[in-house]
Amino acid sequence: MTEDLVAAKQALRAEIRDRRRNMSAHERDADTAAITEHLKHLVAARGVKKLSCYLATPTEPETRPFLTWAYENNIEVLLPVTRDDGLLDWAIANDTPDENIGLFGLPEPTGELLGPIAINGVDLIIVPASAVDKKGVRMGWGRGYFDKTLGSMGKRPPVYAIVFDSEYVDSLPREVHDQPVTGVVTPSALITF
């Protein structure tokens, strides 16, 4: 059964990667603007003072306009830095985070690393995803970094995943280690489960 789940997730991830690669610049820009507005609303509605987010890859929903807004509004943002041991370190974002390409070709901030437990002090966690279903099941990209982080937190704040509209689906295959999310942000909606 587990092999079937893994194969189903791999096939779905490949389909999503292809769809994302084929998006036009116009579609991507419009979706970025809409997602940024939803994220601003989410942060304001929850009175967030400190959050964690991520630097989007070229095919992911773009987070940089939101990060700029957060900085301009005195919201402290922690950005993840991948480690060889499967854990995430965190660095504080500034107005235009200096970036390096980290493990797996992911954009990551430069600067002082705060260690894996730094995320315990945030009011909101924003995570990447390949898809999210209507029960809050999040499917990542298969490396488990965010599942490990979320699974290790004793008191977890709200967790929202960002995906494109077509990636918010009725149901997803779920393995035992997959951590659920509190909500999802798409260009069309901000949904809390």
N, C-alpha and C. Protein backbone atom coordinates (compact mmCIF):
# COMPACT_ATOMS: atom_id res chain seq x y z
N MET A 1 0.82 -1.20 0.00
CA MET A 1 0.00 0.00 0.00
C MET A 1 0.86 1.26 0.00
N THR A 2 1.92 1.28 0.81
CA THR A 2 2.78 2.46 0.87
C THR A 2 3.44 2.73 -0.47
N GLU A 3 3.87 1.69 -1.18
CA GLU A 3 4.49 1.88 -2.49
C GLU A 3 3.50 2.51 -3.48
N ASP A 4 2.23 2.10 -3.40
CA ASP A 4 1.20 2.69 -4.25
C ASP A 4 1.00 4.17 -3.93
N LEU A 5 1.00 4.52 -2.64
CA LEU A 5 0.86 5.92 -2.23
C LEU A 5 2.03 6.75 -2.73
N VAL A 6 3.23 6.24 -2.56
CA VAL A 6 4.43 6.95 -3.02
C VAL A 6 4.38 7.16 -4.52
N ALA A 7 4.01 6.14 -5.27
CA ALA A 7 3.92 6.25 -6.73
C ALA A 7 2.85 7.25 -7.14
N ALA A 8 1.71 7.24 -6.45
CA ALA A 8 0.63 8.18 -6.77
C ALA A 8 1.08 9.62 -6.51
N LYS A 9 1.78 9.83 -5.41
CA LYS A 9 2.28 11.18 -5.09
C LYS A 9 3.33 11.63 -6.11
N GLN A 10 4.21 10.73 -6.51
CA GLN A 10 5.25 11.08 -7.49
C GLN A 10 4.62 11.47 -8.82
N ALA A 11 3.61 10.73 -9.25
CA ALA A 11 2.94 11.04 -10.51
C ALA A 11 2.23 12.39 -10.44
N LEU A 12 1.58 12.65 -9.32
CA LEU A 12 0.87 13.92 -9.16
C LEU A 12 1.85 15.08 -9.12
N ARG A 13 2.96 14.92 -8.43
CA ARG A 13 3.99 15.98 -8.38
C ARG A 13 4.53 16.28 -9.79
N ALA A 14 4.76 15.24 -10.58
CA ALA A 14 5.27 15.43 -11.94
C ALA A 14 4.26 16.22 -12.78
N GLU A 15 2.99 15.89 -12.65
CA GLU A 15 1.94 16.60 -13.38
C GLU A 15 1.90 18.07 -12.97
N ILE A 16 2.01 18.33 -11.67
CA ILE A 16 1.97 19.71 -11.16
C ILE A 16 3.19 20.49 -11.64
N ARG A 17 4.36 19.86 -11.61
CA ARG A 17 5.57 20.54 -12.11
C ARG A 17 5.40 20.95 -13.57
N ASP A 18 4.85 20.05 -14.39
CA ASP A 18 4.63 20.36 -15.81
C ASP A 18 3.65 21.52 -15.98
N ARG A 19 2.57 21.49 -15.22
CA ARG A 19 1.57 22.56 -15.31
C ARG A 19 2.18 23.90 -14.91
N ARG A 20 2.97 23.88 -13.84
CA ARG A 20 3.60 25.12 -13.37
C ARG A 20 4.60 25.66 -14.40
N ARG A 21 5.36 24.78 -15.03
CA ARG A 21 6.34 25.22 -16.03
C ARG A 21 5.65 25.87 -17.23
N ASN A 22 4.42 25.47 -17.52
CA ASN A 22 3.71 25.96 -18.69
C ASN A 22 2.85 27.19 -18.44
N MET A 23 2.88 27.72 -17.22
CA MET A 23 2.11 28.93 -16.92
C MET A 23 2.75 30.13 -17.63
N SER A 24 1.91 31.02 -18.09
CA SER A 24 2.43 32.24 -18.73
C SER A 24 2.88 33.23 -17.66
N ALA A 25 3.73 34.16 -18.05
CA ALA A 25 4.19 35.20 -17.12
C ALA A 25 3.00 36.04 -16.66
N HIS A 26 2.05 36.29 -17.53
CA HIS A 26 0.86 37.07 -17.17
C HIS A 26 0.05 36.35 -16.09
N GLU A 27 -0.18 35.05 -16.29
CA GLU A 27 -0.92 34.27 -15.28
C GLU A 27 -0.19 34.31 -13.94
N ARG A 28 1.11 34.10 -13.99
CA ARG A 28 1.92 34.06 -12.77
C ARG A 28 1.87 35.41 -12.04
N ASP A 29 1.97 36.51 -12.79
CA ASP A 29 1.93 37.84 -12.16
C ASP A 29 0.57 38.12 -11.52
N ALA A 30 -0.50 37.77 -12.21
CA ALA A 30 -1.85 37.98 -11.67
C ALA A 30 -2.06 37.13 -10.42
N ASP A 31 -1.61 35.88 -10.46
CA ASP A 31 -1.74 35.00 -9.29
C ASP A 31 -0.91 35.51 -8.11
N THR A 32 0.28 36.02 -8.40
CA THR A 32 1.13 36.57 -7.33
C THR A 32 0.43 37.74 -6.64
N ALA A 33 -0.14 38.64 -7.41
CA ALA A 33 -0.84 39.80 -6.84
C ALA A 33 -2.00 39.35 -5.95
N ALA A 34 -2.78 38.38 -6.41
CA ALA A 34 -3.93 37.91 -5.64
C ALA A 34 -3.48 37.19 -4.36
N ILE A 35 -2.49 36.33 -4.47
CA ILE A 35 -1.98 35.61 -3.29
C ILE A 35 -1.41 36.60 -2.28
N THR A 36 -0.69 37.59 -2.74
CA THR A 36 -0.12 38.59 -1.84
C THR A 36 -1.22 39.30 -1.05
N GLU A 37 -2.30 39.66 -1.72
CA GLU A 37 -3.42 40.31 -1.01
C GLU A 37 -4.04 39.39 0.04
N HIS A 38 -4.21 38.12 -0.30
CA HIS A 38 -4.77 37.17 0.68
C HIS A 38 -3.84 37.01 1.88
N LEU A 39 -2.53 36.93 1.63
CA LEU A 39 -1.57 36.79 2.73
C LEU A 39 -1.58 38.03 3.63
N LYS A 40 -1.67 39.21 3.04
CA LYS A 40 -1.73 40.44 3.83
C LYS A 40 -2.98 40.44 4.72
N HIS A 41 -4.09 40.02 4.15
CA HIS A 41 -5.34 39.93 4.93
C HIS A 41 -5.20 38.93 6.07
N LEU A 42 -4.62 37.78 5.79
CA LEU A 42 -4.44 36.75 6.80
C LEU A 42 -3.60 37.27 7.97
N VAL A 43 -2.49 37.90 7.66
CA VAL A 43 -1.60 38.43 8.69
C VAL A 43 -2.30 39.52 9.51
N ALA A 44 -3.01 40.41 8.84
CA ALA A 44 -3.71 41.49 9.54
C ALA A 44 -4.84 40.93 10.43
N ALA A 45 -5.61 39.99 9.89
CA ALA A 45 -6.74 39.43 10.64
C ALA A 45 -6.28 38.69 11.90
N ARG A 46 -5.11 38.09 11.84
CA ARG A 46 -4.60 37.32 12.98
C ARG A 46 -3.68 38.12 13.88
N GLY A 47 -3.42 39.37 13.52
CA GLY A 47 -2.54 40.20 14.34
C GLY A 47 -1.12 39.66 14.44
N VAL A 48 -0.63 39.10 13.36
CA VAL A 48 0.68 38.45 13.35
C VAL A 48 1.81 39.48 13.46
N LYS A 49 2.74 39.22 14.36
CA LYS A 49 3.93 40.07 14.53
C LYS A 49 5.20 39.36 14.05
N LYS A 50 5.16 38.02 14.03
CA LYS A 50 6.33 37.23 13.61
C LYS A 50 5.82 35.99 12.90
N LEU A 51 6.39 35.71 11.72
CA LEU A 51 5.95 34.55 10.95
C LEU A 51 7.12 33.89 10.26
N SER A 52 6.88 32.71 9.76
CA SER A 52 7.86 32.06 8.90
C SER A 52 7.23 31.91 7.52
N CYS A 53 8.07 32.08 6.51
CA CYS A 53 7.64 31.95 5.13
C CYS A 53 8.80 31.31 4.38
N TYR A 54 8.87 31.46 3.09
CA TYR A 54 9.94 30.86 2.29
C TYR A 54 10.15 31.70 1.04
N LEU A 55 11.32 31.55 0.45
CA LEU A 55 11.62 32.20 -0.83
C LEU A 55 11.18 31.24 -1.94
N ALA A 56 10.25 31.68 -2.76
CA ALA A 56 9.69 30.81 -3.80
C ALA A 56 10.71 30.50 -4.89
N THR A 57 10.61 29.30 -5.42
CA THR A 57 11.39 28.93 -6.61
C THR A 57 10.71 29.57 -7.82
N PRO A 58 11.34 29.56 -9.00
CA PRO A 58 10.72 30.20 -10.17
C PRO A 58 9.35 29.64 -10.57
N THR A 59 9.05 28.39 -10.23
CA THR A 59 7.75 27.83 -10.62
C THR A 59 6.70 27.87 -9.51
N GLU A 60 7.09 28.24 -8.30
CA GLU A 60 6.14 28.30 -7.18
C GLU A 60 5.39 29.63 -7.18
N PRO A 61 4.23 29.66 -6.50
CA PRO A 61 3.59 30.95 -6.30
C PRO A 61 4.59 31.89 -5.61
N GLU A 62 4.77 33.08 -6.15
CA GLU A 62 5.81 34.01 -5.70
C GLU A 62 5.49 34.59 -4.32
N THR A 63 6.48 34.59 -3.43
CA THR A 63 6.32 35.11 -2.07
C THR A 63 7.02 36.44 -1.85
N ARG A 64 7.92 36.85 -2.72
CA ARG A 64 8.75 38.03 -2.46
C ARG A 64 7.95 39.34 -2.30
N PRO A 65 6.90 39.60 -3.09
CA PRO A 65 6.12 40.83 -2.83
C PRO A 65 5.50 40.82 -1.42
N PHE A 66 5.04 39.67 -0.98
CA PHE A 66 4.50 39.57 0.38
C PHE A 66 5.59 39.80 1.42
N LEU A 67 6.78 39.24 1.20
CA LEU A 67 7.88 39.43 2.14
C LEU A 67 8.27 40.90 2.23
N THR A 68 8.27 41.60 1.12
CA THR A 68 8.56 43.04 1.12
C THR A 68 7.52 43.79 1.94
N TRP A 69 6.26 43.46 1.73
CA TRP A 69 5.17 44.09 2.50
C TRP A 69 5.35 43.82 3.99
N ALA A 70 5.65 42.58 4.35
CA ALA A 70 5.83 42.22 5.77
C ALA A 70 6.95 43.06 6.39
N TYR A 71 8.05 43.17 5.68
CA TYR A 71 9.17 43.96 6.18
C TYR A 71 8.76 45.42 6.37
N GLU A 72 8.07 45.98 5.39
CA GLU A 72 7.62 47.38 5.47
C GLU A 72 6.62 47.61 6.59
N ASN A 73 5.97 46.56 7.06
CA ASN A 73 4.98 46.66 8.13
C ASN A 73 5.51 46.12 9.46
N ASN A 74 6.83 46.05 9.57
CA ASN A 74 7.50 45.65 10.82
C ASN A 74 7.10 44.28 11.33
N ILE A 75 6.87 43.38 10.42
CA ILE A 75 6.59 41.99 10.78
C ILE A 75 7.88 41.21 10.60
N GLU A 76 8.30 40.54 11.65
CA GLU A 76 9.54 39.76 11.56
C GLU A 76 9.26 38.46 10.81
N VAL A 77 10.12 38.15 9.85
CA VAL A 77 9.94 36.95 9.02
C VAL A 77 11.17 36.07 9.12
N LEU A 78 10.94 34.80 9.42
CA LEU A 78 11.99 33.80 9.39
C LEU A 78 11.89 33.03 8.09
N LEU A 79 13.03 32.82 7.44
CA LEU A 79 13.08 32.06 6.19
C LEU A 79 13.89 30.80 6.41
N PRO A 80 13.47 29.67 5.80
CA PRO A 80 14.16 28.40 6.04
C PRO A 80 15.45 28.24 5.24
N VAL A 81 16.36 27.51 5.84
CA VAL A 81 17.61 27.11 5.21
C VAL A 81 17.74 25.60 5.42
N THR A 82 17.80 24.84 4.33
CA THR A 82 17.86 23.38 4.42
C THR A 82 19.21 22.90 4.94
N ARG A 83 19.16 21.79 5.65
CA ARG A 83 20.37 21.17 6.20
C ARG A 83 20.48 19.74 5.68
N ASP A 84 21.69 19.21 5.71
CA ASP A 84 21.93 17.83 5.26
C ASP A 84 21.19 16.80 6.11
N ASP A 85 20.92 17.12 7.38
CA ASP A 85 20.30 16.15 8.29
C ASP A 85 18.78 16.12 8.20
N GLY A 86 18.18 16.85 7.24
CA GLY A 86 16.73 16.82 7.06
C GLY A 86 15.99 17.84 7.89
N LEU A 87 16.71 18.67 8.65
CA LEU A 87 16.08 19.71 9.45
C LEU A 87 16.22 21.05 8.75
N LEU A 88 15.48 22.03 9.24
CA LEU A 88 15.55 23.38 8.71
C LEU A 88 16.17 24.32 9.74
N ASP A 89 17.15 25.10 9.31
CA ASP A 89 17.61 26.24 10.10
C ASP A 89 16.74 27.41 9.66
N TRP A 90 16.84 28.52 10.38
CA TRP A 90 16.05 29.71 10.06
C TRP A 90 16.93 30.94 10.10
N ALA A 91 16.65 31.89 9.23
CA ALA A 91 17.36 33.17 9.19
C ALA A 91 16.31 34.28 9.12
N ILE A 92 16.62 35.42 9.71
CA ILE A 92 15.70 36.55 9.69
C ILE A 92 15.80 37.25 8.33
N ALA A 93 14.64 37.51 7.73
CA ALA A 93 14.59 38.21 6.44
C ALA A 93 14.77 39.70 6.67
N ASN A 94 15.37 40.36 5.70
CA ASN A 94 15.40 41.82 5.72
C ASN A 94 14.60 42.32 4.53
N ASP A 95 14.68 43.62 4.22
CA ASP A 95 13.82 44.19 3.18
C ASP A 95 14.01 43.56 1.80
N THR A 96 15.21 43.18 1.46
CA THR A 96 15.47 42.43 0.24
C THR A 96 16.47 41.34 0.59
N PRO A 97 15.96 40.17 1.01
CA PRO A 97 16.86 39.13 1.48
C PRO A 97 17.94 38.78 0.44
N ASP A 98 19.19 38.77 0.89
CA ASP A 98 20.25 38.26 0.03
C ASP A 98 20.02 36.77 -0.09
N GLU A 99 20.16 36.24 -1.30
CA GLU A 99 19.84 34.84 -1.53
C GLU A 99 21.04 34.07 -2.05
N ASN A 100 21.08 32.82 -1.64
CA ASN A 100 21.99 31.82 -2.18
C ASN A 100 21.14 30.69 -2.72
N ILE A 101 21.73 29.86 -3.52
CA ILE A 101 21.05 28.62 -3.91
C ILE A 101 21.54 27.55 -2.95
N GLY A 102 20.60 26.96 -2.23
CA GLY A 102 20.94 25.96 -1.22
C GLY A 102 20.81 24.55 -1.75
N LEU A 103 20.65 23.63 -0.81
CA LEU A 103 20.45 22.23 -1.19
C LEU A 103 19.26 22.11 -2.13
N PHE A 104 19.33 21.18 -3.03
CA PHE A 104 18.24 20.88 -3.97
C PHE A 104 17.92 22.06 -4.90
N GLY A 105 18.82 23.05 -5.01
CA GLY A 105 18.60 24.18 -5.89
C GLY A 105 17.58 25.18 -5.40
N LEU A 106 17.30 25.17 -4.11
CA LEU A 106 16.28 26.07 -3.55
C LEU A 106 16.89 27.41 -3.17
N PRO A 107 16.16 28.51 -3.41
CA PRO A 107 16.66 29.81 -2.96
C PRO A 107 16.57 29.89 -1.44
N GLU A 108 17.64 30.38 -0.83
CA GLU A 108 17.69 30.48 0.63
C GLU A 108 18.34 31.80 1.02
N PRO A 109 17.97 32.33 2.19
CA PRO A 109 18.56 33.58 2.64
C PRO A 109 19.99 33.36 3.11
N THR A 110 20.77 34.42 3.04
CA THR A 110 22.09 34.39 3.67
C THR A 110 21.91 35.04 5.04
N GLY A 111 22.92 35.04 5.82
CA GLY A 111 22.82 35.68 7.13
C GLY A 111 22.94 34.68 8.25
N GLU A 112 22.82 35.19 9.45
CA GLU A 112 22.99 34.38 10.65
C GLU A 112 21.91 33.31 10.76
N LEU A 113 22.34 32.08 11.01
CA LEU A 113 21.39 30.98 11.20
C LEU A 113 20.98 30.91 12.67
N LEU A 114 19.69 30.75 12.88
CA LEU A 114 19.15 30.77 14.24
C LEU A 114 18.90 29.38 14.81
N GLY A 115 19.01 28.34 14.00
CA GLY A 115 18.78 26.98 14.47
C GLY A 115 17.34 26.54 14.27
N PRO A 116 17.10 25.22 14.32
CA PRO A 116 15.78 24.67 14.04
C PRO A 116 14.67 25.12 14.99
N ILE A 117 15.00 25.42 16.25
CA ILE A 117 13.92 25.75 17.19
C ILE A 117 13.45 27.20 17.09
N ALA A 118 14.11 28.02 16.28
CA ALA A 118 13.71 29.42 16.14
C ALA A 118 12.26 29.56 15.69
N ILE A 119 11.77 28.60 14.94
CA ILE A 119 10.39 28.66 14.42
C ILE A 119 9.35 28.57 15.55
N ASN A 120 9.75 28.07 16.70
CA ASN A 120 8.79 27.94 17.80
C ASN A 120 8.23 29.27 18.28
N GLY A 121 8.87 30.39 17.93
CA GLY A 121 8.39 31.68 18.39
C GLY A 121 7.51 32.44 17.41
N VAL A 122 7.08 31.82 16.31
CA VAL A 122 6.28 32.54 15.31
C VAL A 122 4.79 32.42 15.59
N ASP A 123 4.03 33.40 15.06
CA ASP A 123 2.57 33.42 15.20
C ASP A 123 1.86 32.73 14.04
N LEU A 124 2.58 32.53 12.93
CA LEU A 124 1.99 31.98 11.71
C LEU A 124 3.10 31.32 10.90
N ILE A 125 2.78 30.18 10.29
CA ILE A 125 3.73 29.48 9.43
C ILE A 125 3.12 29.39 8.03
N ILE A 126 3.88 29.84 7.04
CA ILE A 126 3.45 29.76 5.64
C ILE A 126 4.41 28.80 4.93
N VAL A 127 3.85 27.74 4.36
CA VAL A 127 4.68 26.69 3.77
C VAL A 127 4.38 26.51 2.28
N PRO A 128 5.38 26.03 1.55
CA PRO A 128 5.14 25.68 0.15
C PRO A 128 4.40 24.34 0.09
N ALA A 129 3.82 24.07 -1.05
CA ALA A 129 3.14 22.78 -1.26
C ALA A 129 3.04 22.54 -2.76
N SER A 130 2.89 21.28 -3.11
CA SER A 130 2.56 20.98 -4.49
C SER A 130 1.05 20.92 -4.66
N ALA A 131 0.34 20.54 -3.59
CA ALA A 131 -1.12 20.51 -3.60
C ALA A 131 -1.63 20.42 -2.17
N VAL A 132 -2.90 20.81 -2.00
CA VAL A 132 -3.58 20.72 -0.71
C VAL A 132 -4.99 20.25 -1.00
N ASP A 133 -5.52 19.38 -0.13
CA ASP A 133 -6.90 18.94 -0.35
C ASP A 133 -7.86 19.59 0.64
N LYS A 134 -9.13 19.30 0.46
CA LYS A 134 -10.18 19.96 1.22
C LYS A 134 -10.26 19.53 2.68
N LYS A 135 -9.44 18.55 3.08
CA LYS A 135 -9.37 18.14 4.48
C LYS A 135 -8.12 18.69 5.16
N GLY A 136 -7.33 19.47 4.41
CA GLY A 136 -6.11 20.03 4.99
C GLY A 136 -4.89 19.17 4.81
N VAL A 137 -4.99 18.14 3.98
CA VAL A 137 -3.82 17.31 3.68
C VAL A 137 -2.93 18.10 2.72
N ARG A 138 -1.67 18.28 3.10
CA ARG A 138 -0.70 18.99 2.27
C ARG A 138 0.27 17.99 1.67
N MET A 139 0.49 18.11 0.37
CA MET A 139 1.51 17.30 -0.28
C MET A 139 2.64 18.24 -0.66
N GLY A 140 3.82 17.96 -0.11
CA GLY A 140 5.00 18.76 -0.43
C GLY A 140 5.68 18.20 -1.67
N TRP A 141 7.01 18.33 -1.69
CA TRP A 141 7.77 17.89 -2.85
C TRP A 141 8.56 16.62 -2.59
N GLY A 142 8.35 15.99 -1.43
CA GLY A 142 8.89 14.65 -1.20
C GLY A 142 10.14 14.56 -0.35
N ARG A 143 10.61 15.66 0.16
CA ARG A 143 11.82 15.59 0.99
C ARG A 143 11.52 15.60 2.48
N GLY A 144 10.33 16.03 2.86
CA GLY A 144 9.89 15.93 4.25
C GLY A 144 10.37 17.00 5.20
N TYR A 145 11.03 18.03 4.72
CA TYR A 145 11.55 19.07 5.63
C TYR A 145 10.45 19.72 6.45
N PHE A 146 9.38 20.16 5.80
CA PHE A 146 8.32 20.84 6.55
C PHE A 146 7.51 19.86 7.39
N ASP A 147 7.31 18.64 6.91
CA ASP A 147 6.61 17.64 7.73
C ASP A 147 7.39 17.38 9.02
N LYS A 148 8.71 17.25 8.93
CA LYS A 148 9.52 17.03 10.13
C LYS A 148 9.44 18.23 11.07
N THR A 149 9.54 19.42 10.50
CA THR A 149 9.47 20.63 11.33
C THR A 149 8.13 20.73 12.04
N LEU A 150 7.04 20.61 11.28
CA LEU A 150 5.71 20.74 11.87
C LEU A 150 5.43 19.62 12.86
N GLY A 151 5.87 18.41 12.54
CA GLY A 151 5.65 17.27 13.42
C GLY A 151 6.41 17.35 14.73
N SER A 152 7.48 18.13 14.76
CA SER A 152 8.30 18.23 15.98
C SER A 152 7.86 19.35 16.90
N MET A 153 6.93 20.17 16.47
CA MET A 153 6.51 21.32 17.28
C MET A 153 5.48 20.91 18.32
N GLY A 154 5.75 21.28 19.57
CA GLY A 154 4.80 20.98 20.64
C GLY A 154 3.54 21.82 20.52
N LYS A 155 3.72 23.13 20.43
CA LYS A 155 2.59 24.04 20.27
C LYS A 155 2.75 24.72 18.93
N ARG A 156 1.94 24.31 17.99
CA ARG A 156 2.09 24.79 16.62
C ARG A 156 1.10 25.91 16.33
N PRO A 157 1.59 27.03 15.77
CA PRO A 157 0.67 28.10 15.37
C PRO A 157 -0.06 27.68 14.10
N PRO A 158 -0.99 28.50 13.61
CA PRO A 158 -1.65 28.17 12.35
C PRO A 158 -0.64 28.01 11.22
N VAL A 159 -0.91 27.03 10.34
CA VAL A 159 -0.04 26.73 9.20
C VAL A 159 -0.88 26.83 7.93
N TYR A 160 -0.44 27.69 7.01
CA TYR A 160 -1.13 27.87 5.73
C TYR A 160 -0.18 27.51 4.59
N ALA A 161 -0.68 26.76 3.63
CA ALA A 161 0.09 26.40 2.43
C ALA A 161 -0.36 27.30 1.28
N ILE A 162 0.58 27.59 0.38
CA ILE A 162 0.27 28.40 -0.81
C ILE A 162 0.34 27.50 -2.04
N VAL A 163 -0.74 27.52 -2.83
CA VAL A 163 -0.77 26.76 -4.09
C VAL A 163 -1.57 27.54 -5.12
N PHE A 164 -1.43 27.16 -6.37
CA PHE A 164 -2.27 27.71 -7.43
C PHE A 164 -3.66 27.08 -7.35
N ASP A 165 -4.65 27.71 -7.97
CA ASP A 165 -6.04 27.25 -7.86
C ASP A 165 -6.22 25.77 -8.22
N SER A 166 -5.59 25.33 -9.30
CA SER A 166 -5.78 23.95 -9.76
C SER A 166 -5.16 22.93 -8.81
N GLU A 167 -4.36 23.41 -7.85
CA GLU A 167 -3.68 22.51 -6.91
C GLU A 167 -4.41 22.38 -5.58
N TYR A 168 -5.56 23.04 -5.47
CA TYR A 168 -6.45 22.85 -4.32
C TYR A 168 -7.49 21.84 -4.79
N VAL A 169 -7.38 20.60 -4.30
CA VAL A 169 -8.12 19.47 -4.86
C VAL A 169 -9.02 18.81 -3.82
N ASP A 170 -9.88 17.92 -4.30
CA ASP A 170 -10.81 17.23 -3.39
C ASP A 170 -10.10 16.33 -2.40
N SER A 171 -9.16 15.52 -2.88
CA SER A 171 -8.44 14.63 -1.95
C SER A 171 -7.06 14.30 -2.51
N LEU A 172 -6.17 13.98 -1.58
CA LEU A 172 -4.79 13.63 -1.91
C LEU A 172 -4.41 12.34 -1.19
N PRO A 173 -3.46 11.60 -1.75
CA PRO A 173 -2.94 10.45 -1.01
C PRO A 173 -2.20 10.95 0.22
N ARG A 174 -2.38 10.27 1.36
CA ARG A 174 -1.76 10.72 2.60
C ARG A 174 -1.01 9.58 3.25
N GLU A 175 0.25 9.88 3.61
CA GLU A 175 1.05 8.95 4.38
C GLU A 175 1.03 9.38 5.84
N VAL A 176 1.42 8.47 6.71
CA VAL A 176 1.35 8.71 8.15
C VAL A 176 2.17 9.93 8.60
N HIS A 177 3.27 10.23 7.93
CA HIS A 177 4.12 11.35 8.35
C HIS A 177 3.65 12.71 7.81
N ASP A 178 2.68 12.72 6.89
CA ASP A 178 2.22 13.97 6.29
C ASP A 178 1.48 14.82 7.34
N GLN A 179 1.96 16.04 7.51
CA GLN A 179 1.37 16.95 8.49
C GLN A 179 0.28 17.81 7.85
N PRO A 180 -0.89 17.90 8.51
CA PRO A 180 -1.97 18.71 7.95
C PRO A 180 -1.68 20.20 8.11
N VAL A 181 -2.40 21.00 7.33
CA VAL A 181 -2.31 22.46 7.45
C VAL A 181 -3.63 23.01 7.97
N THR A 182 -3.57 24.22 8.49
CA THR A 182 -4.74 24.92 9.03
C THR A 182 -5.58 25.51 7.91
N GLY A 183 -4.89 25.87 6.81
CA GLY A 183 -5.60 26.51 5.72
C GLY A 183 -4.74 26.56 4.46
N VAL A 184 -5.34 27.11 3.42
CA VAL A 184 -4.66 27.20 2.13
C VAL A 184 -4.92 28.58 1.53
N VAL A 185 -3.90 29.09 0.84
CA VAL A 185 -4.01 30.37 0.14
C VAL A 185 -3.81 30.07 -1.34
N THR A 186 -4.80 30.45 -2.15
CA THR A 186 -4.73 30.32 -3.60
C THR A 186 -5.00 31.71 -4.19
N PRO A 187 -4.81 31.89 -5.48
CA PRO A 187 -5.15 33.19 -6.06
C PRO A 187 -6.63 33.55 -5.87
N SER A 188 -7.50 32.55 -5.83
CA SER A 188 -8.94 32.82 -5.71
C SER A 188 -9.47 32.88 -4.30
N ALA A 189 -8.74 32.34 -3.34
CA ALA A 189 -9.34 32.22 -1.99
C ALA A 189 -8.31 32.09 -0.89
N LEU A 190 -8.77 32.47 0.30
CA LEU A 190 -8.06 32.20 1.55
C LEU A 190 -9.01 31.32 2.34
N ILE A 191 -8.62 30.06 2.54
CA ILE A 191 -9.51 29.07 3.14
C ILE A 191 -8.90 28.56 4.43
N THR A 192 -9.71 28.56 5.50
CA THR A 192 -9.30 27.98 6.78
C THR A 192 -10.15 26.73 6.98
N PHE A 193 -9.50 25.64 7.36
CA PHE A 193 -10.22 24.37 7.56
C PHE A 193 -10.78 24.29 8.96
